[in-house]
Amino acid sequence: MGFGFRTGVRSARVAFGFAVYALVLGTVLVLVGAIAFISSGQWLLFGSMILIEGVFVYAFTRLAAQARNRRSAR
């Protein structure tokens, strides 16, 4: 099946583009949060932002793999 089958995405390029968009948006949000937490000295929350970034990277690799599988299925 691959990513995008249920959402109506027809192209593997669009699916991969969405994966890149989600990674960039998530990374920017995590960086803003990390800067805010570092500036106020909240190191525990900074650590949680690092964990959240790890989740974004993992999700990106899964979405990219699904887009790649969709590409090879055609």
Protein backbone atom coordinates (compact mmCIF):
# COMPACT_ATOMS: atom_id res chain seq x y z
CA MET A 1 0.00 0.00 0.00
CA GLY A 2 2.48 2.66 1.12
CA PHE A 3 1.94 6.13 2.46
CA GLY A 4 -0.82 8.11 0.82
CA PHE A 5 -3.04 5.22 -0.19
CA ARG A 6 -5.78 6.15 2.25
CA THR A 7 -5.25 9.91 1.99
CA GLY A 8 -5.65 10.06 -1.78
CA VAL A 9 -2.04 10.92 -2.58
CA ARG A 10 -1.42 9.50 -6.02
CA SER A 11 2.24 10.31 -6.54
CA ALA A 12 5.25 8.95 -4.69
CA ARG A 13 6.88 12.37 -5.13
CA VAL A 14 4.00 14.06 -3.32
CA ALA A 15 4.18 11.49 -0.53
CA PHE A 16 7.93 12.01 -0.14
CA GLY A 17 7.47 15.79 -0.31
CA PHE A 18 4.97 15.58 2.52
CA ALA A 19 7.44 13.54 4.57
CA VAL A 20 10.13 16.20 4.04
CA TYR A 21 7.64 18.98 4.88
CA ALA A 22 6.63 17.24 8.11
CA LEU A 23 10.28 16.77 9.10
CA VAL A 24 11.19 20.41 8.42
CA LEU A 25 8.13 21.78 10.20
CA GLY A 26 8.68 19.53 13.20
CA THR A 27 12.38 20.40 13.37
CA VAL A 28 11.68 24.14 13.28
CA LEU A 29 9.11 23.84 16.06
CA VAL A 30 11.47 21.75 18.17
CA LEU A 31 14.33 24.21 17.64
CA VAL A 32 12.16 27.16 18.70
CA GLY A 33 11.06 25.26 21.79
CA ALA A 34 14.62 24.18 22.60
CA ILE A 35 15.91 27.75 22.33
CA ALA A 36 13.11 28.99 24.58
CA PHE A 37 13.76 26.29 27.18
CA ILE A 38 17.54 26.80 27.15
CA SER A 39 17.16 30.56 27.56
CA SER A 40 14.97 30.07 30.63
CA GLY A 41 17.16 27.28 32.06
CA GLN A 42 14.54 24.53 31.88
CA TRP A 43 16.82 21.62 31.06
CA LEU A 44 14.26 18.89 31.64
CA LEU A 45 11.93 20.41 29.07
CA PHE A 46 14.91 20.86 26.72
CA GLY A 47 15.58 17.12 27.04
CA SER A 48 11.96 16.40 26.18
CA MET A 49 12.34 18.53 23.05
CA ILE A 50 15.31 16.40 22.03
CA LEU A 51 13.16 13.28 22.45
CA ILE A 52 10.41 14.87 20.37
CA GLU A 53 12.93 15.59 17.60
CA GLY A 54 13.92 11.93 17.67
CA VAL A 55 10.27 11.02 17.13
CA PHE A 56 10.09 13.41 14.16
CA VAL A 57 13.19 11.87 12.58
CA TYR A 58 11.85 8.35 13.13
CA ALA A 59 8.48 9.31 11.61
CA PHE A 60 10.29 10.84 8.63
CA THR A 61 12.20 7.65 7.98
CA ARG A 62 8.96 5.65 8.13
CA LEU A 63 7.12 8.04 5.80
CA ALA A 64 10.05 8.08 3.38
CA ALA A 65 10.16 4.26 3.39
CA GLN A 66 6.44 4.11 2.69
CA ALA A 67 6.80 6.60 -0.16
CA ARG A 68 9.67 4.53 -1.56
CA ASN A 69 7.53 1.37 -1.32
CA ARG A 70 4.72 3.17 -3.12
CA ARG A 71 7.14 4.18 -5.86
CA SER A 72 8.41 0.61 -6.34
CA ALA A 73 4.87 -0.83 -6.41
CA ARG A 74 4.10 0.98 -9.65
